[in-house]
N, C-alpha and C. Protein backbone atom coordinates (compact mmCIF):
# COMPACT_ATOMS: atom_id res chain seq x y z
N UNK A 1 -2.57 -6.14 10.91
CA UNK A 1 -2.56 -4.70 10.91
C UNK A 1 -3.76 -4.20 10.11
N UNK A 2 -4.46 -3.23 10.63
CA UNK A 2 -5.72 -2.79 10.02
C UNK A 2 -5.54 -1.62 9.06
N UNK A 3 -4.30 -1.17 8.88
CA UNK A 3 -4.00 -0.05 7.99
C UNK A 3 -3.32 -0.60 6.75
N UNK A 4 -3.76 -0.15 5.57
CA UNK A 4 -3.17 -0.60 4.32
C UNK A 4 -2.62 0.59 3.54
N UNK A 5 -1.82 0.26 2.53
CA UNK A 5 -1.28 1.29 1.64
C UNK A 5 -2.43 2.03 0.96
N UNK A 6 -2.27 3.33 0.76
CA UNK A 6 -3.23 4.24 0.12
C UNK A 6 -4.42 4.59 1.00
N UNK A 7 -4.46 4.14 2.26
CA UNK A 7 -5.49 4.58 3.20
C UNK A 7 -5.22 6.02 3.59
N UNK A 8 -6.28 6.77 3.88
CA UNK A 8 -6.13 8.08 4.49
C UNK A 8 -6.24 7.88 5.98
N UNK A 9 -5.25 8.38 6.72
CA UNK A 9 -5.21 8.14 8.16
C UNK A 9 -5.11 9.45 8.92
N UNK A 10 -5.54 9.40 10.18
CA UNK A 10 -5.50 10.52 11.11
C UNK A 10 -4.49 10.17 12.19
N UNK A 11 -3.54 11.08 12.47
CA UNK A 11 -2.51 10.84 13.47
C UNK A 11 -3.08 11.22 14.83
N UNK A 12 -3.06 10.27 15.79
CA UNK A 12 -3.70 10.52 17.08
C UNK A 12 -2.72 10.92 18.18
N UNK A 13 -1.43 10.66 17.99
CA UNK A 13 -0.47 11.01 19.02
C UNK A 13 0.89 11.30 18.40
N UNK A 14 1.75 11.96 19.19
CA UNK A 14 3.08 12.29 18.72
C UNK A 14 3.18 13.74 18.28
N UNK A 15 4.33 14.10 17.72
CA UNK A 15 4.56 15.50 17.35
C UNK A 15 3.66 15.95 16.19
N UNK A 16 3.14 15.01 15.41
CA UNK A 16 2.28 15.35 14.27
C UNK A 16 0.80 15.06 14.55
N UNK A 17 0.42 15.00 15.82
CA UNK A 17 -0.96 14.68 16.19
C UNK A 17 -1.93 15.68 15.56
N UNK A 18 -3.03 15.15 15.02
CA UNK A 18 -4.04 16.00 14.41
C UNK A 18 -3.92 16.10 12.91
N UNK A 19 -2.82 15.68 12.34
CA UNK A 19 -2.64 15.74 10.88
C UNK A 19 -3.29 14.52 10.23
N UNK A 20 -3.63 14.68 8.96
CA UNK A 20 -4.11 13.55 8.16
C UNK A 20 -3.19 13.40 6.96
N UNK A 21 -3.08 12.19 6.47
CA UNK A 21 -2.24 11.95 5.31
C UNK A 21 -2.50 10.59 4.71
N UNK A 22 -1.88 10.36 3.57
CA UNK A 22 -2.04 9.11 2.84
C UNK A 22 -0.90 8.17 3.20
N UNK A 23 -1.22 6.89 3.41
CA UNK A 23 -0.20 5.90 3.74
C UNK A 23 0.58 5.55 2.48
N UNK A 24 1.90 5.78 2.52
CA UNK A 24 2.75 5.49 1.38
C UNK A 24 3.21 4.04 1.38
N UNK A 25 3.46 3.49 2.58
CA UNK A 25 3.84 2.08 2.69
C UNK A 25 3.48 1.58 4.08
N UNK A 26 3.26 0.27 4.16
CA UNK A 26 2.92 -0.37 5.42
C UNK A 26 3.81 -1.59 5.61
N UNK A 27 4.34 -1.77 6.81
CA UNK A 27 5.20 -2.91 7.13
C UNK A 27 4.57 -3.68 8.29
N UNK A 28 3.79 -4.73 7.99
CA UNK A 28 3.10 -5.48 9.05
C UNK A 28 4.06 -6.19 10.01
N UNK A 29 5.24 -6.59 9.53
CA UNK A 29 6.19 -7.29 10.39
C UNK A 29 6.66 -6.40 11.54
N UNK A 30 6.91 -5.13 11.23
CA UNK A 30 7.39 -4.19 12.24
C UNK A 30 6.27 -3.34 12.82
N UNK A 31 5.04 -3.49 12.29
CA UNK A 31 3.88 -2.73 12.72
C UNK A 31 4.11 -1.22 12.54
N UNK A 32 4.68 -0.84 11.39
CA UNK A 32 5.01 0.55 11.10
C UNK A 32 4.36 0.96 9.77
N UNK A 33 4.02 2.26 9.67
CA UNK A 33 3.50 2.82 8.43
C UNK A 33 4.24 4.11 8.12
N UNK A 34 4.36 4.42 6.83
CA UNK A 34 4.94 5.69 6.40
C UNK A 34 3.80 6.52 5.84
N UNK A 35 3.56 7.69 6.45
CA UNK A 35 2.46 8.57 6.06
C UNK A 35 3.06 9.81 5.42
N UNK A 36 2.49 10.24 4.30
CA UNK A 36 2.98 11.40 3.56
C UNK A 36 2.88 12.67 4.41
N UNK A 37 3.99 13.36 4.61
CA UNK A 37 4.02 14.62 5.35
C UNK A 37 4.07 14.48 6.85
N UNK A 38 4.26 13.27 7.37
CA UNK A 38 4.29 13.03 8.81
C UNK A 38 5.65 12.44 9.17
N UNK A 39 6.17 12.85 10.34
CA UNK A 39 7.49 12.41 10.81
C UNK A 39 8.55 12.71 9.75
N UNK A 40 8.57 13.96 9.31
CA UNK A 40 9.49 14.38 8.25
C UNK A 40 10.91 14.43 8.81
N UNK A 41 11.82 13.76 8.09
CA UNK A 41 13.22 13.70 8.48
C UNK A 41 14.07 14.28 7.37
N UNK A 42 15.23 14.85 7.76
CA UNK A 42 16.15 15.38 6.76
C UNK A 42 17.23 14.34 6.50
N UNK A 43 17.50 14.11 5.22
CA UNK A 43 18.54 13.17 4.83
C UNK A 43 19.59 13.92 4.02
N UNK A 44 20.84 13.75 4.40
CA UNK A 44 21.94 14.45 3.75
C UNK A 44 22.53 13.55 2.66
N UNK A 45 22.61 14.08 1.46
CA UNK A 45 23.17 13.37 0.34
C UNK A 45 24.50 14.01 -0.03
N UNK A 46 25.55 13.20 -0.11
CA UNK A 46 26.89 13.67 -0.45
C UNK A 46 27.12 13.45 -1.94
N UNK A 47 27.73 14.41 -2.60
CA UNK A 47 28.06 14.26 -4.01
C UNK A 47 29.09 13.15 -4.16
N UNK A 48 28.80 12.19 -5.00
CA UNK A 48 29.69 11.04 -5.18
C UNK A 48 30.53 11.15 -6.45
N UNK A 49 30.08 11.94 -7.40
CA UNK A 49 30.80 12.10 -8.66
C UNK A 49 31.02 13.58 -8.95
N UNK A 50 31.94 13.82 -9.81
CA UNK A 50 32.21 15.20 -10.21
C UNK A 50 30.99 15.72 -10.97
N UNK A 51 30.55 16.89 -10.62
CA UNK A 51 29.39 17.49 -11.26
C UNK A 51 28.11 17.32 -10.44
N UNK A 52 28.07 16.36 -9.52
CA UNK A 52 26.91 16.21 -8.65
C UNK A 52 26.96 17.25 -7.55
N UNK A 53 25.82 17.56 -7.00
CA UNK A 53 25.73 18.57 -5.95
C UNK A 53 25.22 17.89 -4.67
N UNK A 54 25.88 18.16 -3.57
CA UNK A 54 25.40 17.67 -2.28
C UNK A 54 24.11 18.39 -1.94
N UNK A 55 23.23 17.70 -1.21
CA UNK A 55 21.94 18.31 -0.90
C UNK A 55 21.37 17.72 0.39
N UNK A 56 20.38 18.39 0.90
CA UNK A 56 19.63 17.92 2.06
C UNK A 56 18.18 17.77 1.61
N UNK A 57 17.67 16.55 1.64
CA UNK A 57 16.30 16.29 1.19
C UNK A 57 15.46 15.85 2.37
N UNK A 58 14.16 16.15 2.30
CA UNK A 58 13.24 15.75 3.35
C UNK A 58 12.47 14.52 2.90
N UNK A 59 12.29 13.58 3.84
CA UNK A 59 11.53 12.38 3.55
C UNK A 59 10.67 12.02 4.76
N UNK A 60 9.59 11.31 4.51
CA UNK A 60 8.70 10.88 5.59
C UNK A 60 9.26 9.62 6.21
N UNK A 61 9.30 9.59 7.54
CA UNK A 61 9.80 8.42 8.26
C UNK A 61 8.65 7.57 8.75
N UNK A 62 8.95 6.34 9.16
CA UNK A 62 7.90 5.44 9.64
C UNK A 62 7.44 5.80 11.05
N UNK A 63 6.17 5.55 11.32
CA UNK A 63 5.61 5.70 12.67
C UNK A 63 4.86 4.42 13.00
N UNK A 64 4.59 4.20 14.27
CA UNK A 64 3.90 2.99 14.68
C UNK A 64 2.44 3.03 14.22
N UNK A 65 1.94 1.89 13.80
CA UNK A 65 0.57 1.82 13.27
C UNK A 65 -0.47 2.08 14.36
N UNK A 66 -0.09 1.91 15.63
CA UNK A 66 -1.04 2.16 16.71
C UNK A 66 -1.29 3.65 16.92
N UNK A 67 -0.48 4.49 16.30
CA UNK A 67 -0.62 5.94 16.44
C UNK A 67 -1.49 6.57 15.35
N UNK A 68 -2.11 5.75 14.51
CA UNK A 68 -2.95 6.28 13.44
C UNK A 68 -4.33 5.61 13.49
N UNK A 69 -5.31 6.33 12.96
CA UNK A 69 -6.66 5.80 12.79
C UNK A 69 -7.06 6.00 11.34
N UNK A 70 -7.71 5.01 10.77
CA UNK A 70 -8.18 5.10 9.39
C UNK A 70 -9.32 6.11 9.33
N UNK A 71 -9.31 6.96 8.31
CA UNK A 71 -10.37 7.95 8.12
C UNK A 71 -11.44 7.33 7.23
N UNK A 72 -12.66 7.28 7.73
CA UNK A 72 -13.80 6.74 6.98
C UNK A 72 -14.19 7.74 5.89
N UNK A 73 -14.33 7.31 4.64
CA UNK A 73 -14.71 8.25 3.58
C UNK A 73 -16.14 8.78 3.73
N UNK A 74 -17.00 8.03 4.42
CA UNK A 74 -18.39 8.46 4.60
C UNK A 74 -18.51 9.41 5.79
N UNK A 75 -17.93 9.04 6.95
CA UNK A 75 -17.99 9.86 8.17
C UNK A 75 -17.01 11.03 8.11
N UNK A 76 -15.90 10.82 7.40
CA UNK A 76 -14.81 11.79 7.32
C UNK A 76 -14.18 12.03 8.69
N UNK A 77 -14.11 10.97 9.50
CA UNK A 77 -13.51 11.03 10.83
C UNK A 77 -12.59 9.82 11.00
N UNK A 78 -11.67 9.93 11.97
CA UNK A 78 -10.84 8.79 12.31
C UNK A 78 -11.68 7.78 13.05
N UNK A 79 -11.69 6.53 12.59
CA UNK A 79 -12.56 5.51 13.16
C UNK A 79 -11.78 4.23 13.42
N UNK A 80 -12.35 3.40 14.27
CA UNK A 80 -11.81 2.06 14.46
C UNK A 80 -12.29 1.18 13.32
N UNK A 81 -11.54 0.13 13.08
CA UNK A 81 -11.85 -0.76 11.96
C UNK A 81 -12.41 -2.07 12.49
N UNK A 82 -13.55 -2.48 11.94
CA UNK A 82 -14.12 -3.79 12.23
C UNK A 82 -14.06 -4.61 10.95
N UNK A 83 -14.21 -5.92 11.09
CA UNK A 83 -14.20 -6.79 9.94
C UNK A 83 -15.57 -7.42 9.75
N UNK A 84 -15.96 -7.58 8.49
CA UNK A 84 -17.23 -8.20 8.14
C UNK A 84 -16.92 -9.33 7.16
N UNK A 85 -17.36 -10.53 7.49
CA UNK A 85 -17.12 -11.69 6.63
C UNK A 85 -18.40 -12.00 5.88
N UNK A 86 -18.31 -11.96 4.55
CA UNK A 86 -19.44 -12.30 3.68
C UNK A 86 -19.00 -13.43 2.76
N UNK A 87 -19.44 -14.62 3.05
CA UNK A 87 -19.02 -15.77 2.24
C UNK A 87 -17.53 -16.02 2.41
N UNK A 88 -16.79 -15.92 1.32
CA UNK A 88 -15.34 -16.11 1.36
C UNK A 88 -14.60 -14.79 1.52
N UNK A 89 -15.30 -13.66 1.40
CA UNK A 89 -14.65 -12.35 1.42
C UNK A 89 -14.67 -11.75 2.83
N UNK A 90 -13.57 -11.12 3.18
CA UNK A 90 -13.45 -10.43 4.47
C UNK A 90 -13.21 -8.96 4.18
N UNK A 91 -14.10 -8.08 4.65
CA UNK A 91 -14.02 -6.65 4.35
C UNK A 91 -13.75 -5.86 5.63
N UNK A 92 -13.02 -4.76 5.48
CA UNK A 92 -12.87 -3.82 6.59
C UNK A 92 -14.04 -2.84 6.53
N UNK A 93 -14.67 -2.58 7.68
CA UNK A 93 -15.80 -1.66 7.73
C UNK A 93 -15.60 -0.66 8.85
N UNK A 94 -16.24 0.50 8.72
CA UNK A 94 -16.20 1.55 9.72
C UNK A 94 -16.99 1.10 10.95
N UNK A 95 -16.43 1.30 12.14
CA UNK A 95 -17.10 0.89 13.37
C UNK A 95 -18.28 1.81 13.70
N UNK A 96 -18.25 3.07 13.19
CA UNK A 96 -19.33 4.01 13.51
C UNK A 96 -20.51 3.88 12.58
N UNK A 97 -20.25 3.89 11.27
CA UNK A 97 -21.37 3.92 10.32
C UNK A 97 -21.52 2.64 9.51
N UNK A 98 -20.53 1.75 9.55
CA UNK A 98 -20.63 0.50 8.82
C UNK A 98 -20.25 0.58 7.37
N UNK A 99 -19.66 1.71 6.93
CA UNK A 99 -19.27 1.87 5.52
C UNK A 99 -18.09 0.96 5.21
N UNK A 100 -18.05 0.44 3.99
CA UNK A 100 -16.97 -0.43 3.55
C UNK A 100 -15.71 0.41 3.30
N UNK A 101 -14.61 0.05 3.95
CA UNK A 101 -13.36 0.79 3.79
C UNK A 101 -12.50 0.22 2.66
N UNK A 102 -12.88 -0.93 2.10
CA UNK A 102 -12.10 -1.57 1.05
C UNK A 102 -12.67 -1.36 -0.34
N UNK A 103 -13.59 -0.42 -0.54
CA UNK A 103 -14.19 -0.20 -1.86
C UNK A 103 -13.15 0.21 -2.88
N UNK A 104 -12.22 1.05 -2.49
CA UNK A 104 -11.18 1.51 -3.42
C UNK A 104 -10.31 0.34 -3.86
N UNK A 105 -10.05 -0.60 -2.94
CA UNK A 105 -9.23 -1.75 -3.29
C UNK A 105 -9.96 -2.70 -4.22
N UNK A 106 -11.28 -2.82 -4.03
CA UNK A 106 -12.06 -3.72 -4.88
C UNK A 106 -12.02 -3.24 -6.32
N UNK A 107 -12.09 -1.93 -6.55
CA UNK A 107 -12.05 -1.38 -7.90
C UNK A 107 -10.69 -1.63 -8.53
N UNK A 108 -9.61 -1.36 -7.79
CA UNK A 108 -8.28 -1.54 -8.36
C UNK A 108 -7.97 -3.01 -8.60
N UNK A 109 -8.45 -3.90 -7.72
CA UNK A 109 -8.22 -5.34 -7.92
C UNK A 109 -8.93 -5.84 -9.16
N UNK A 110 -10.17 -5.36 -9.40
CA UNK A 110 -10.90 -5.82 -10.57
C UNK A 110 -10.24 -5.31 -11.84
N UNK A 111 -9.67 -4.11 -11.80
CA UNK A 111 -8.97 -3.58 -12.96
C UNK A 111 -7.70 -4.40 -13.23
N UNK A 112 -6.99 -4.77 -12.16
CA UNK A 112 -5.79 -5.58 -12.33
C UNK A 112 -6.14 -6.97 -12.84
N UNK A 113 -7.25 -7.51 -12.35
CA UNK A 113 -7.67 -8.84 -12.78
C UNK A 113 -8.02 -8.82 -14.27
N UNK A 114 -8.64 -7.75 -14.73
CA UNK A 114 -8.98 -7.64 -16.14
C UNK A 114 -7.72 -7.60 -16.99
N UNK A 115 -6.72 -6.88 -16.51
CA UNK A 115 -5.44 -6.83 -17.24
C UNK A 115 -4.77 -8.20 -17.22
N UNK A 116 -4.85 -8.88 -16.10
CA UNK A 116 -4.24 -10.19 -15.97
C UNK A 116 -4.88 -11.23 -16.87
N UNK A 117 -6.19 -11.11 -17.11
CA UNK A 117 -6.88 -12.05 -17.99
C UNK A 117 -6.38 -11.91 -19.42
N UNK A 118 -6.08 -10.68 -19.85
CA UNK A 118 -5.55 -10.48 -21.19
C UNK A 118 -4.19 -11.15 -21.34
N UNK A 119 -3.38 -11.09 -20.30
CA UNK A 119 -2.07 -11.71 -20.35
C UNK A 119 -2.19 -13.23 -20.38
N UNK A 120 -3.19 -13.75 -19.69
CA UNK A 120 -3.36 -15.20 -19.62
C UNK A 120 -3.77 -15.78 -20.98
N UNK A 121 -4.39 -14.99 -21.84
CA UNK A 121 -4.86 -15.47 -23.14
C UNK A 121 -3.75 -15.54 -24.18
N UNK A 122 -2.57 -14.94 -23.90
CA UNK A 122 -1.48 -14.97 -24.86
C UNK A 122 -0.92 -16.38 -24.94
N UNK A 123 -0.54 -16.82 -26.15
CA UNK A 123 0.03 -18.16 -26.27
C UNK A 123 1.43 -18.21 -25.66
N UNK A 124 1.82 -19.40 -25.23
CA UNK A 124 3.14 -19.58 -24.63
C UNK A 124 4.22 -19.48 -25.69
N UNK A 125 5.38 -18.95 -25.30
CA UNK A 125 6.49 -18.82 -26.24
C UNK A 125 7.18 -20.16 -26.41
N UNK A 126 7.68 -20.37 -27.60
CA UNK A 126 8.45 -21.58 -27.84
C UNK A 126 9.91 -21.29 -27.53
N UNK A 127 10.57 -22.25 -26.92
CA UNK A 127 11.98 -22.09 -26.60
C UNK A 127 12.79 -23.19 -27.27
N UNK A 128 14.09 -22.97 -27.34
CA UNK A 128 14.96 -23.97 -27.95
C UNK A 128 14.96 -25.25 -27.12
N UNK A 129 14.90 -25.11 -25.79
CA UNK A 129 14.92 -26.28 -24.93
C UNK A 129 13.69 -27.16 -25.19
N UNK A 130 12.55 -26.54 -25.36
CA UNK A 130 11.33 -27.30 -25.61
C UNK A 130 11.44 -28.04 -26.95
N UNK A 131 11.99 -27.37 -27.97
CA UNK A 131 12.17 -28.01 -29.27
C UNK A 131 13.16 -29.16 -29.18
N UNK A 132 14.25 -28.99 -28.41
CA UNK A 132 15.25 -30.04 -28.25
C UNK A 132 14.66 -31.25 -27.54
N UNK A 133 13.83 -31.02 -26.53
CA UNK A 133 13.20 -32.13 -25.80
C UNK A 133 12.28 -32.93 -26.71
N UNK A 134 11.54 -32.23 -27.58
CA UNK A 134 10.63 -32.92 -28.52
C UNK A 134 11.43 -33.74 -29.51
N UNK A 135 12.56 -33.21 -29.98
CA UNK A 135 13.40 -33.93 -30.94
C UNK A 135 14.00 -35.17 -30.31
N UNK A 136 14.43 -35.09 -29.06
CA UNK A 136 15.00 -36.23 -28.37
C UNK A 136 13.95 -37.31 -28.11
N UNK A 137 12.72 -36.87 -27.82
CA UNK A 137 11.64 -37.82 -27.54
C UNK A 137 11.28 -38.62 -28.77
N UNK A 138 11.44 -38.05 -29.96
CA UNK A 138 11.08 -38.72 -31.21
C UNK A 138 12.20 -39.60 -31.60
């Protein structure tokens, strides 16, 4: 599936055709995406406890991934996605202008990696089981 979470997409067909929105979640197994403000459904909530109030809330429902196009940040249009392989890395690129569509992900991944490195430097905790095993070995 060529659409990922946090992509801005353009709806090409259906009752919400012409709208743009941010992808809230993507399910590659079912080939469905949930786009903010698209395919809005009403869900009825019943009060389960005393003091709670029943309500009707609106939520975005899933739509098929074939009904959306990724919006290129450079072209600002709905475009097809091509892949570019550079060494070991595979990037999504705009079919019209060749702009990298994964730049936002690269920044967030590097930030997460930096946080992960700090966690990796922490010493391991000692547990009672580890102490018991050492005592038995001696």
